[in-house]
Amino acid sequence: MQRLIRFIFILNLIAGTVSAQSVFKLKDDNGGIRPKLQLGEKTIISAPDEGLWSVATAWENKWPAQWHHASPVSMEQSGDWQIVKGEIVLPQGVMKVRDAYRNEKGLVHCIRRFEWTGKSDIDSLTLSVRWNVTGKGLQAFLPGIVYYGNPSGTKNTPNCVASYSGKAGEKAIFEDHRYPMPFACLESSVADKFGAVIHTVPSPLRDAKLFDHWWSMGVEAFDDHAELVLYSGPITYNNHPSIAKAIQCGNLAYDNTYIKMSPDQVIEKSFYLDAYPINNQGTAFQKPVYDAIEMYKPFYTEDLPSYKEILDSKFILTKSRWVEGNGYAGFNMYDRPGNPEIEMGWCGQAASPGFSLQNLKSRFGNDASIDKMVQQSLDFLSTYPVSDEGFPVVYNVNGKKYANPDPVSDGQGMYNIAKAIEAAQKNKRYDTTKWEEFLKKTCDVASSRILKSDWSPRSTAEGFYMAPLAIASKLFKNETYRKAAMKAADYYAKRHLLMVEPYWGGTLDASG
């Protein structure tokens, strides 16, 4: 069954994006030079109406101002590269601009060059890369930041996530080095189904005025189109200019991200463009994900710790967090011996060693402390009180108080305990009576809620019940748990596959 599910999932991924290559053209229908990418006869990505190149020479209200534009005036071929050139005439002098394009493995690679020829420094400057994408209400996929608007997080924790619905006036622009995969993608899934993407090579600004000043990347929405953009620093989200998503539920001001260029200084920015058809809504992200892996090949590990070093270090840390006393035993979430807290799920993961240490015992030389830590930690966690709302995941030792029940951490804790029971049934080294009683109680609560006819979860958080319910259905031969797991899986799959509400929707803060 698991193999069948994986096979179907892979088929859906493969089928989501159609294999067809866009055509890159430099000239428009009137013979002018206006770069564009087409699918068939339809233009998907093109230079903005006001010009291929744009720079701003002022900073007002926390955002670039006084924009100046230019279009190409010449075109030439140099080997594989097609080169277009122009000039942006400014009051302070002339900014020479140049784009060099060539096809690389189905993507259009561009190196944009800005050369300041004025006789003195030019300050309060913003450089840009802007590309129009045809369509209204286009949805955005910004890896690790915005997943099709982050609808779940927007609905439940709006101050903790970046939101973007594609309405005119919206912007979602972040430092390019904050992207785990450095690309920004727009999807059209109404009449014309296609994806449009810009990949970039993350880069800091030379002689920057601000600490950690990098180029930025993102999307902007207009009435009848959107833009894929790169800027030399400005960032914004949720209608607040010049803020950085730097803390869990809030932001930090990051203003005045303009630059200064000296006479004869040259700045280049490298990026890649692509447009491609898709079959199904919610699938435009797939091709750029694979392309990014191919482009950056994030497989080099020679300068990273070995697998053995990582496990050994984690085992040392795990043992250092062990706490026990009158009525409690477990793994302290914090490096705070005087006020220990034992927390399941999320960042505490106090139940996780009860499973992992069983499987790694021989790797750690059959350390004598492992059996004690496994048995006592899970025995104690199994005493956490269970109610119709689930169970609290935090126990403060000094205050002898429980806190913070939530479906995400509950589901993770239940999963850890279910896997620990599975492992213990195989190795026969532990008494799982208390663990099984606790897991049954928690699964009874979760399945009862999910199987109600009016069950309508407010977020994707209850999806974390699926795995432990599925495992428990086999451990205890319980059909109710299986039905609940299947109902939740079917429900979230419908919301997820079309990206109406992406599963989890986690971003720079994983909230939702």
Protein backbone atom coordinates (compact mmCIF):
# COMPACT_ATOMS: atom_id res chain seq x y z
CA MET A 1 0.00 0.00 0.00
CA GLN A 2 2.80 2.43 0.91
CA ARG A 3 4.57 1.68 -2.36
CA LEU A 4 1.34 2.32 -4.27
CA ILE A 5 0.83 5.66 -2.52
CA ARG A 6 4.42 6.70 -3.28
CA PHE A 7 4.02 5.63 -6.91
CA ILE A 8 0.80 7.64 -7.30
CA PHE A 9 2.43 10.64 -5.64
CA ILE A 10 5.41 10.51 -8.00
CA LEU A 11 3.10 10.17 -11.00
CA ASN A 12 1.21 13.28 -9.86
CA LEU A 13 4.47 15.19 -9.62
CA ILE A 14 5.57 14.09 -13.07
CA ALA A 15 2.19 14.81 -14.61
CA GLY A 16 1.83 18.23 -13.03
CA THR A 17 4.24 19.99 -15.36
CA VAL A 18 4.07 19.55 -19.12
CA SER A 19 7.34 19.09 -20.96
CA ALA A 20 7.44 22.03 -23.38
CA GLN A 21 10.11 24.64 -23.81
CA SER A 22 9.50 28.37 -24.11
CA VAL A 23 10.98 30.41 -26.93
CA PHE A 24 13.09 33.46 -26.13
CA LYS A 25 12.88 36.40 -28.55
CA LEU A 26 14.63 39.75 -28.50
CA LYS A 27 12.44 41.62 -30.97
CA ASP A 28 8.77 42.48 -30.68
CA ASP A 29 6.23 42.39 -33.53
CA ASN A 30 7.13 45.93 -34.60
CA GLY A 31 10.83 45.21 -34.92
CA GLY A 32 11.78 46.94 -31.69
CA ILE A 33 14.08 45.32 -29.13
CA ARG A 34 11.94 44.00 -26.29
CA PRO A 35 13.02 40.63 -24.83
CA LYS A 36 10.26 38.12 -24.14
CA LEU A 37 9.56 34.43 -23.52
CA GLN A 38 6.69 32.82 -25.37
CA LEU A 39 4.75 29.59 -25.10
CA GLY A 40 3.40 29.02 -28.58
CA GLU A 41 2.11 32.40 -29.72
CA LYS A 42 1.46 33.68 -26.21
CA THR A 43 3.92 35.99 -24.48
CA ILE A 44 4.42 34.90 -20.86
CA ILE A 45 7.40 36.96 -19.68
CA SER A 46 8.41 40.29 -21.18
CA ALA A 47 10.27 43.51 -20.45
CA PRO A 48 8.09 46.14 -18.74
CA ASP A 49 6.27 48.69 -20.91
CA GLU A 50 8.38 51.55 -19.58
CA GLY A 51 11.64 49.87 -20.53
CA LEU A 52 13.91 46.89 -20.01
CA TRP A 53 16.09 48.69 -17.46
CA SER A 54 15.03 50.74 -14.44
CA VAL A 55 16.94 52.52 -11.67
CA ALA A 56 15.71 54.74 -8.85
CA THR A 57 17.74 57.75 -7.69
CA ALA A 58 15.92 58.70 -4.49
CA TRP A 59 14.56 57.11 -1.31
CA GLU A 60 11.19 58.29 -0.02
CA ASN A 61 8.77 56.81 2.51
CA LYS A 62 11.02 53.79 3.07
CA TRP A 63 11.05 52.83 -0.62
CA PRO A 64 12.86 53.66 -3.87
CA ALA A 65 11.61 56.76 -5.67
CA GLN A 66 12.26 58.81 -8.81
CA TRP A 67 12.53 55.92 -11.22
CA HIS A 68 14.24 56.27 -14.59
CA HIS A 69 13.89 53.79 -17.45
CA ALA A 70 15.49 52.86 -20.75
CA SER A 71 15.08 50.40 -23.61
CA PRO A 72 17.77 48.76 -25.74
CA VAL A 73 19.19 50.75 -28.64
CA SER A 74 21.55 48.10 -30.04
CA MET A 75 21.83 44.34 -30.35
CA GLU A 76 24.78 42.09 -31.17
CA GLN A 77 25.87 38.46 -31.06
CA SER A 78 29.01 37.27 -29.25
CA GLY A 79 29.42 33.52 -29.46
CA ASP A 80 26.40 31.98 -27.73
CA TRP A 81 25.46 35.29 -26.11
CA GLN A 82 22.89 37.75 -27.45
CA ILE A 83 23.72 41.20 -26.10
CA VAL A 84 21.54 44.29 -25.90
CA LYS A 85 22.76 47.68 -24.76
CA GLY A 86 21.33 51.02 -23.75
CA GLU A 87 21.77 54.08 -21.55
CA ILE A 88 19.73 55.53 -18.71
CA VAL A 89 20.20 59.30 -18.81
CA LEU A 90 20.12 60.76 -15.30
CA PRO A 91 20.57 64.35 -14.08
CA GLN A 92 23.90 63.30 -12.55
CA GLY A 93 25.19 61.53 -15.66
CA VAL A 94 24.70 58.41 -17.76
CA MET A 95 24.25 54.85 -16.49
CA LYS A 96 25.30 52.40 -19.18
CA VAL A 97 23.28 49.19 -19.12
CA ARG A 98 23.73 45.88 -20.84
CA ASP A 99 22.05 42.47 -20.84
CA ALA A 100 23.73 39.33 -22.15
CA TYR A 101 21.45 36.33 -22.80
CA ARG A 102 21.99 32.72 -23.75
CA ASN A 103 20.11 29.44 -23.43
CA GLU A 104 21.43 27.07 -20.77
CA LYS A 105 19.68 23.72 -20.35
CA GLY A 106 16.29 25.15 -21.24
CA LEU A 107 16.64 28.30 -19.11
CA VAL A 108 17.48 31.79 -20.34
CA HIS A 109 20.61 32.93 -18.52
CA CYS A 110 21.06 36.68 -18.28
CA ILE A 111 23.91 38.76 -16.90
CA ARG A 112 22.76 42.34 -16.33
CA ARG A 113 25.46 44.99 -16.16
CA PHE A 114 25.22 48.53 -14.73
CA GLU A 115 28.13 50.90 -15.36
CA TRP A 116 28.14 54.38 -13.83
CA THR A 117 29.89 56.89 -16.11
CA GLY A 118 29.14 60.06 -14.15
CA LYS A 119 31.97 62.27 -12.89
CA SER A 120 31.03 61.92 -9.21
CA ASP A 121 29.38 59.41 -6.89
CA ILE A 122 25.67 58.75 -7.29
CA ASP A 123 23.87 58.02 -4.02
CA SER A 124 20.40 56.85 -2.95
CA LEU A 125 20.49 54.48 -5.90
CA THR A 126 18.43 51.33 -6.43
CA LEU A 127 19.21 48.95 -9.28
CA SER A 128 16.58 46.54 -10.51
CA VAL A 129 15.67 43.55 -12.63
CA ARG A 130 11.97 43.59 -13.55
CA TRP A 131 10.00 41.20 -15.76
CA ASN A 132 6.30 41.37 -16.58
CA VAL A 133 4.31 38.13 -16.31
CA THR A 134 0.99 38.03 -18.14
CA GLY A 135 -2.16 37.36 -16.12
CA LYS A 136 -4.36 38.60 -13.31
CA GLY A 137 -4.30 37.27 -9.76
CA LEU A 138 -1.20 35.15 -10.31
CA GLN A 139 -0.22 33.03 -7.32
CA ALA A 140 3.31 33.11 -5.92
CA PHE A 141 5.65 30.39 -4.75
CA LEU A 142 8.70 31.76 -2.94
CA PRO A 143 10.60 28.77 -1.50
CA GLY A 144 10.64 28.74 2.28
CA ILE A 145 8.72 32.02 2.46
CA VAL A 146 5.39 32.17 0.61
CA TYR A 147 3.56 29.02 -0.51
CA TYR A 148 0.68 30.12 -2.72
CA GLY A 149 -0.11 33.00 -0.39
CA ASN A 150 0.28 31.12 2.91
CA PRO A 151 -3.52 30.96 3.36
CA SER A 152 -3.43 28.82 6.50
CA GLY A 153 -0.92 30.99 8.32
CA THR A 154 -2.63 34.16 7.09
CA LYS A 155 -5.95 32.96 8.50
CA ASN A 156 -4.64 31.82 11.86
CA THR A 157 -1.44 33.71 12.65
CA PRO A 158 -1.34 36.70 10.27
CA ASN A 159 1.44 38.45 12.16
CA CYS A 160 3.72 35.43 11.93
CA VAL A 161 3.78 34.83 8.19
CA ALA A 162 4.20 36.68 4.94
CA SER A 163 0.98 36.82 2.93
CA TYR A 164 0.42 37.37 -0.78
CA SER A 165 -2.86 36.89 -2.63
CA GLY A 166 -1.95 38.39 -6.00
CA LYS A 167 -4.13 41.49 -5.61
CA ALA A 168 -2.94 44.66 -7.31
CA GLY A 169 -0.53 46.60 -5.13
CA GLU A 170 0.81 43.65 -3.16
CA LYS A 171 4.53 43.03 -2.90
CA ALA A 172 6.49 40.15 -1.39
CA ILE A 173 10.22 40.82 -1.66
CA PHE A 174 12.92 39.29 0.54
CA GLU A 175 16.71 39.09 0.71
CA ASP A 176 17.81 36.64 -1.95
CA HIS A 177 20.04 34.71 0.46
CA ARG A 178 17.02 33.95 2.69
CA TYR A 179 15.61 31.59 0.04
CA PRO A 180 16.59 27.93 0.57
CA MET A 181 16.20 27.63 -3.20
CA PRO A 182 16.89 31.03 -4.79
CA PHE A 183 13.97 31.46 -7.17
CA ALA A 184 10.61 33.24 -7.33
CA CYS A 185 7.75 31.60 -9.20
CA LEU A 186 4.35 32.81 -10.41
CA GLU A 187 1.53 30.48 -11.44
CA SER A 188 -1.46 31.01 -13.69
CA SER A 189 -4.03 28.27 -13.24
CA VAL A 190 -7.25 29.78 -14.57
CA ALA A 191 -7.66 29.85 -18.36
CA ASP A 192 -4.01 29.64 -19.31
CA LYS A 193 -2.07 27.26 -17.12
CA PHE A 194 1.62 28.09 -16.89
CA GLY A 195 4.47 28.89 -14.57
CA ALA A 196 6.97 31.73 -14.82
CA VAL A 197 10.14 31.85 -12.77
CA ILE A 198 13.27 33.84 -12.10
CA HIS A 199 16.29 32.09 -10.59
CA THR A 200 19.11 34.15 -9.14
CA VAL A 201 22.61 33.77 -7.79
CA PRO A 202 22.39 35.30 -4.26
CA SER A 203 24.89 38.09 -3.81
CA PRO A 204 25.75 40.80 -1.28
CA LEU A 205 26.32 44.42 -2.29
CA ARG A 206 29.87 45.68 -2.36
CA ASP A 207 30.60 48.64 -0.06
CA ALA A 208 27.09 48.35 1.36
CA LYS A 209 25.94 50.92 3.89
CA LEU A 210 24.07 48.38 5.97
CA PHE A 211 25.19 45.18 7.65
CA ASP A 212 24.07 42.05 5.81
CA HIS A 213 22.94 44.05 2.76
CA TRP A 214 22.16 41.67 -0.12
CA TRP A 215 20.18 41.80 -3.33
CA SER A 216 16.48 41.07 -2.88
CA MET A 217 14.01 39.01 -4.91
CA GLY A 218 10.27 38.56 -5.07
CA VAL A 219 7.02 39.45 -6.78
CA GLU A 220 4.76 42.47 -7.26
CA ALA A 221 1.11 42.41 -8.37
CA PHE A 222 -0.61 44.82 -10.76
CA ASP A 223 -4.08 44.97 -12.30
CA ASP A 224 -3.47 42.79 -15.34
CA HIS A 225 -0.03 41.32 -14.69
CA ALA A 226 2.60 40.72 -12.05
CA GLU A 227 6.35 41.24 -11.96
CA LEU A 228 9.25 39.01 -11.03
CA VAL A 229 11.79 41.38 -9.51
CA LEU A 230 15.31 41.66 -8.19
CA TYR A 231 16.38 44.82 -6.36
CA SER A 232 19.69 45.96 -4.96
CA GLY A 233 18.36 45.74 -1.42
CA PRO A 234 14.74 46.91 -0.83
CA ILE A 235 12.53 44.37 0.93
CA THR A 236 8.85 44.38 1.88
CA TYR A 237 5.91 42.16 2.76
CA ASN A 238 2.37 42.50 4.13
CA ASN A 239 2.14 46.11 2.93
CA HIS A 240 5.02 47.25 5.13
CA PRO A 241 8.05 48.59 3.25
CA SER A 242 11.58 48.10 4.51
CA ILE A 243 10.96 45.39 7.08
CA ALA A 244 12.74 42.07 7.48
CA LYS A 245 11.03 38.84 8.52
CA ALA A 246 13.60 38.25 11.22
CA ILE A 247 11.68 37.14 14.31
CA GLN A 248 8.94 34.56 14.80
CA CYS A 249 5.87 36.73 15.05
CA GLY A 250 7.02 40.16 14.03
CA ASN A 251 9.61 42.00 11.99
CA LEU A 252 12.63 44.25 12.20
CA ALA A 253 13.05 47.59 10.44
CA TYR A 254 15.55 47.45 7.60
CA ASP A 255 15.37 50.87 5.97
CA ASN A 256 17.62 52.84 3.60
CA THR A 257 18.72 49.84 1.58
CA TYR A 258 19.92 52.01 -1.30
CA ILE A 259 23.47 51.99 -2.59
CA LYS A 260 26.13 54.37 -3.87
CA MET A 261 28.12 53.92 -7.07
CA SER A 262 31.43 55.59 -7.83
CA PRO A 263 32.60 56.76 -11.27
CA ASP A 264 33.41 53.82 -13.58
CA GLN A 265 32.05 51.32 -11.07
CA VAL A 266 30.39 48.26 -12.58
CA ILE A 267 27.78 46.05 -10.89
CA GLU A 268 26.53 42.83 -12.45
CA LYS A 269 23.64 40.61 -11.47
CA SER A 270 23.15 37.10 -12.84
CA PHE A 271 19.73 35.47 -13.15
CA TYR A 272 17.75 32.90 -15.16
CA LEU A 273 14.26 33.05 -16.67
CA ASP A 274 11.85 30.30 -17.61
CA ALA A 275 8.22 29.91 -18.69
CA TYR A 276 6.50 26.55 -19.04
CA PRO A 277 2.99 25.05 -19.28
CA ILE A 278 1.41 23.08 -16.46
CA ASN A 279 -1.44 20.59 -16.45
CA ASN A 280 -2.76 21.04 -12.93
CA GLN A 281 -3.34 23.85 -10.50
CA GLY A 282 -0.74 24.03 -7.76
CA THR A 283 2.11 22.43 -9.74
CA ALA A 284 4.10 25.37 -11.13
CA PHE A 285 6.67 25.06 -8.36
CA GLN A 286 7.80 21.60 -9.47
CA LYS A 287 9.94 22.42 -12.50
CA PRO A 288 11.95 25.24 -10.85
CA VAL A 289 12.59 23.02 -7.83
CA TYR A 290 14.21 20.38 -10.03
CA ASP A 291 16.01 23.05 -12.07
CA ALA A 292 17.40 24.66 -8.92
CA ILE A 293 18.75 21.30 -7.74
CA GLU A 294 20.36 20.78 -11.13
CA MET A 295 21.80 24.30 -11.19
CA TYR A 296 23.30 24.43 -7.71
CA LYS A 297 23.93 20.73 -7.07
CA PRO A 298 23.79 20.98 -3.27
CA PHE A 299 25.46 17.63 -2.75
CA TYR A 300 29.02 18.51 -1.72
CA THR A 301 29.69 17.31 1.83
CA GLU A 302 33.48 17.09 2.07
CA ASP A 303 33.76 20.11 4.38
CA LEU A 304 30.83 19.02 6.59
CA PRO A 305 30.92 16.78 9.67
CA SER A 306 30.63 13.08 8.96
CA TYR A 307 27.48 11.13 9.75
CA LYS A 308 29.31 9.52 12.68
CA GLU A 309 30.44 12.88 14.07
CA ILE A 310 26.90 14.25 13.86
CA LEU A 311 25.38 11.27 15.68
CA ASP A 312 28.11 11.23 18.34
CA SER A 313 27.66 14.94 19.00
CA LYS A 314 23.88 14.60 19.22
CA PHE A 315 24.23 11.72 21.67
CA ILE A 316 26.52 13.81 23.89
CA LEU A 317 24.00 16.67 23.79
CA THR A 318 21.10 14.31 24.49
CA LYS A 319 22.78 12.89 27.59
CA SER A 320 23.67 16.40 28.78
CA ARG A 321 19.97 17.34 28.77
CA TRP A 322 18.89 14.39 30.95
CA VAL A 323 17.15 15.47 34.17
CA GLU A 324 15.47 13.39 36.85
CA GLY A 325 14.13 13.89 40.33
CA ASN A 326 11.14 13.38 42.55
CA GLY A 327 8.31 12.35 40.23
CA TYR A 328 9.92 13.27 36.89
CA ALA A 329 12.52 12.11 34.41
CA GLY A 330 13.25 13.24 30.87
CA PHE A 331 15.13 15.50 28.50
CA ASN A 332 15.36 19.20 29.30
CA MET A 333 14.40 21.40 26.37
CA TYR A 334 16.79 24.18 27.40
CA ASP A 335 20.38 24.36 28.53
CA ARG A 336 18.96 25.60 31.81
CA PRO A 337 19.54 23.02 34.57
CA GLY A 338 18.06 25.22 37.31
CA ASN A 339 14.63 25.44 35.71
CA PRO A 340 14.08 22.38 33.50
CA GLU A 341 11.16 21.98 31.13
CA ILE A 342 10.30 18.68 29.50
CA GLU A 343 8.48 19.36 26.23
CA MET A 344 7.09 16.99 23.63
CA GLY A 345 7.01 17.88 19.97
CA TRP A 346 8.09 21.07 18.23
CA CYS A 347 11.49 22.25 19.52
CA GLY A 348 11.53 20.15 22.69
CA GLN A 349 11.15 16.67 21.19
CA ALA A 350 11.43 15.02 24.61
CA ALA A 351 9.78 11.86 23.25
CA SER A 352 12.09 11.52 20.27
CA PRO A 353 15.09 9.93 22.08
CA GLY A 354 12.79 7.22 23.38
CA PHE A 355 12.56 5.98 19.81
CA SER A 356 15.90 6.96 18.29
CA LEU A 357 18.08 5.68 21.13
CA GLN A 358 16.53 2.24 20.84
CA ASN A 359 17.70 2.02 17.25
CA LEU A 360 21.10 3.61 17.85
CA LYS A 361 22.04 1.74 21.01
CA SER A 362 24.58 -0.53 19.35
CA ARG A 363 26.08 2.39 17.48
CA PHE A 364 26.84 4.08 20.79
CA GLY A 365 28.60 1.04 22.22
CA ASN A 366 25.55 -0.20 24.10
CA ASP A 367 25.90 2.69 26.53
CA ALA A 368 24.45 1.56 29.86
CA SER A 369 22.43 4.77 30.31
CA ILE A 370 20.34 4.29 27.18
CA ASP A 371 17.83 1.72 28.47
CA LYS A 372 17.21 3.80 31.60
CA MET A 373 16.66 7.02 29.65
CA VAL A 374 14.34 5.36 27.15
CA GLN A 375 12.19 3.62 29.75
CA GLN A 376 11.97 6.43 32.29
CA SER A 377 11.49 9.30 29.82
CA LEU A 378 8.58 7.66 28.04
CA ASP A 379 7.07 6.40 31.28
CA PHE A 380 7.02 9.97 32.57
CA LEU A 381 5.66 11.49 29.36
CA SER A 382 2.88 8.91 29.46
CA THR A 383 1.63 10.50 32.67
CA TYR A 384 0.76 13.80 30.95
CA PRO A 385 -2.98 14.44 31.41
CA VAL A 386 -5.23 13.86 28.39
CA SER A 387 -8.51 15.72 27.86
CA ASP A 388 -10.94 16.32 25.02
CA GLU A 389 -8.60 19.08 23.81
CA GLY A 390 -5.60 16.76 23.62
CA PHE A 391 -2.73 17.01 26.08
CA PRO A 392 -0.28 19.64 27.30
CA VAL A 393 3.19 19.21 25.85
CA VAL A 394 5.24 21.20 28.38
CA TYR A 395 5.99 20.26 31.98
CA ASN A 396 7.79 22.82 34.10
CA VAL A 397 9.63 20.92 36.81
CA ASN A 398 9.98 23.71 39.39
CA GLY A 399 6.42 24.92 39.06
CA LYS A 400 5.04 21.41 38.59
CA LYS A 401 2.77 22.84 35.88
CA TYR A 402 1.68 21.62 32.46
CA ALA A 403 1.13 23.98 29.53
CA ASN A 404 0.74 24.51 25.80
CA PRO A 405 -1.51 21.83 24.30
CA ASP A 406 -1.56 22.11 20.52
CA PRO A 407 -2.25 19.67 17.66
CA VAL A 408 1.18 20.05 16.04
CA SER A 409 3.20 19.11 19.10
CA ASP A 410 0.59 16.59 20.24
CA GLY A 411 0.80 14.83 16.89
CA GLN A 412 4.59 14.83 16.94
CA GLY A 413 4.70 13.47 20.48
CA MET A 414 2.18 10.76 19.64
CA TYR A 415 4.22 9.80 16.58
CA ASN A 416 7.43 9.50 18.63
CA ILE A 417 5.73 7.27 21.17
CA ALA A 418 4.08 5.14 18.48
CA LYS A 419 7.47 4.58 16.82
CA ALA A 420 9.02 3.79 20.21
CA ILE A 421 6.38 1.12 20.80
CA GLU A 422 7.04 -0.37 17.37
CA ALA A 423 10.77 -0.54 18.07
CA ALA A 424 10.29 -1.97 21.57
CA GLN A 425 8.01 -4.72 20.29
CA LYS A 426 10.87 -5.86 18.07
CA ASN A 427 13.77 -5.65 20.54
CA LYS A 428 11.81 -6.85 23.63
CA ARG A 429 13.89 -4.68 25.99
CA TYR A 430 11.24 -2.35 27.38
CA ASP A 431 7.91 -2.40 29.18
CA THR A 432 5.56 -0.46 26.91
CA THR A 433 2.42 -0.79 29.03
CA LYS A 434 2.27 2.88 30.06
CA TRP A 435 3.24 4.09 26.58
CA GLU A 436 0.45 2.08 24.96
CA GLU A 437 -2.15 3.31 27.44
CA PHE A 438 -1.17 6.91 26.77
CA LEU A 439 -1.14 6.49 22.99
CA LYS A 440 -4.58 4.86 23.05
CA LYS A 441 -6.00 7.75 25.10
CA THR A 442 -4.58 10.37 22.76
CA CYS A 443 -5.67 8.48 19.65
CA ASP A 444 -9.17 8.10 21.06
CA VAL A 445 -9.38 11.89 21.47
CA ALA A 446 -7.93 12.70 18.06
CA SER A 447 -10.00 10.13 16.15
CA SER A 448 -13.19 11.14 17.93
CA ARG A 449 -12.72 14.77 16.89
CA ILE A 450 -11.73 13.98 13.29
CA LEU A 451 -14.59 11.56 12.71
CA LYS A 452 -17.26 14.04 13.76
CA SER A 453 -19.47 15.03 10.84
CA ASP A 454 -18.84 18.74 11.43
CA TRP A 455 -15.06 18.41 11.75
CA SER A 456 -13.54 21.43 9.98
CA PRO A 457 -10.00 22.15 11.18
CA ARG A 458 -9.09 25.82 11.27
CA SER A 459 -5.59 25.12 10.02
CA THR A 460 -3.34 22.39 8.72
CA ALA A 461 -2.07 21.66 12.24
CA GLU A 462 -4.31 18.63 12.82
CA GLY A 463 -2.62 16.94 9.89
CA PHE A 464 0.05 15.87 12.38
CA TYR A 465 -2.41 13.33 13.79
CA MET A 466 -2.41 11.30 10.57
CA ALA A 467 0.87 9.42 11.04
CA PRO A 468 0.40 8.37 14.69
CA LEU A 469 -3.21 7.35 14.02
CA ALA A 470 -2.09 5.21 11.07
CA ILE A 471 0.63 3.51 13.12
CA ALA A 472 -1.67 3.03 16.12
CA SER A 473 -4.32 1.46 13.90
CA LYS A 474 -1.84 -1.35 13.16
CA LEU A 475 -0.36 -1.57 16.65
CA PHE A 476 -3.76 -1.99 18.27
CA LYS A 477 -5.71 -3.37 15.28
CA ASN A 478 -8.08 -0.44 15.65
CA GLU A 479 -10.29 0.35 12.66
CA THR A 480 -11.46 3.67 14.16
CA TYR A 481 -7.93 5.03 14.16
CA ARG A 482 -7.46 3.95 10.56
CA LYS A 483 -10.69 5.65 9.45
CA ALA A 484 -9.68 8.87 11.20
CA ALA A 485 -6.23 8.84 9.61
CA MET A 486 -7.73 8.25 6.16
CA LYS A 487 -10.38 10.95 6.60
CA ALA A 488 -7.76 13.50 7.62
CA ALA A 489 -5.44 12.47 4.79
CA ASP A 490 -8.19 12.77 2.18
CA TYR A 491 -9.30 16.11 3.57
CA TYR A 492 -5.85 17.69 3.63
CA ALA A 493 -4.89 16.19 0.27
CA LYS A 494 -7.77 18.03 -1.39
CA ARG A 495 -6.65 21.30 0.16
CA HIS A 496 -2.99 20.65 -0.53
CA LEU A 497 -2.85 19.32 -4.08
CA LEU A 498 -4.48 22.43 -5.53
CA MET A 499 -2.55 24.65 -3.12
CA VAL A 500 -5.84 26.12 -1.90
CA GLU A 501 -4.29 25.66 1.51
CA PRO A 502 -0.81 24.16 1.35
CA TYR A 503 -0.13 21.57 4.01
CA TRP A 504 1.58 23.38 6.87
CA GLY A 505 2.22 26.56 4.87
CA GLY A 506 5.35 27.10 6.90
CA THR A 507 7.62 29.93 5.90
CA LEU A 508 10.42 31.96 7.45
CA ASP A 509 8.40 31.18 10.51
CA ALA A 510 6.75 27.77 10.30
CA SER A 511 3.32 28.84 11.47
CA GLY A 512 0.01 27.63 10.18
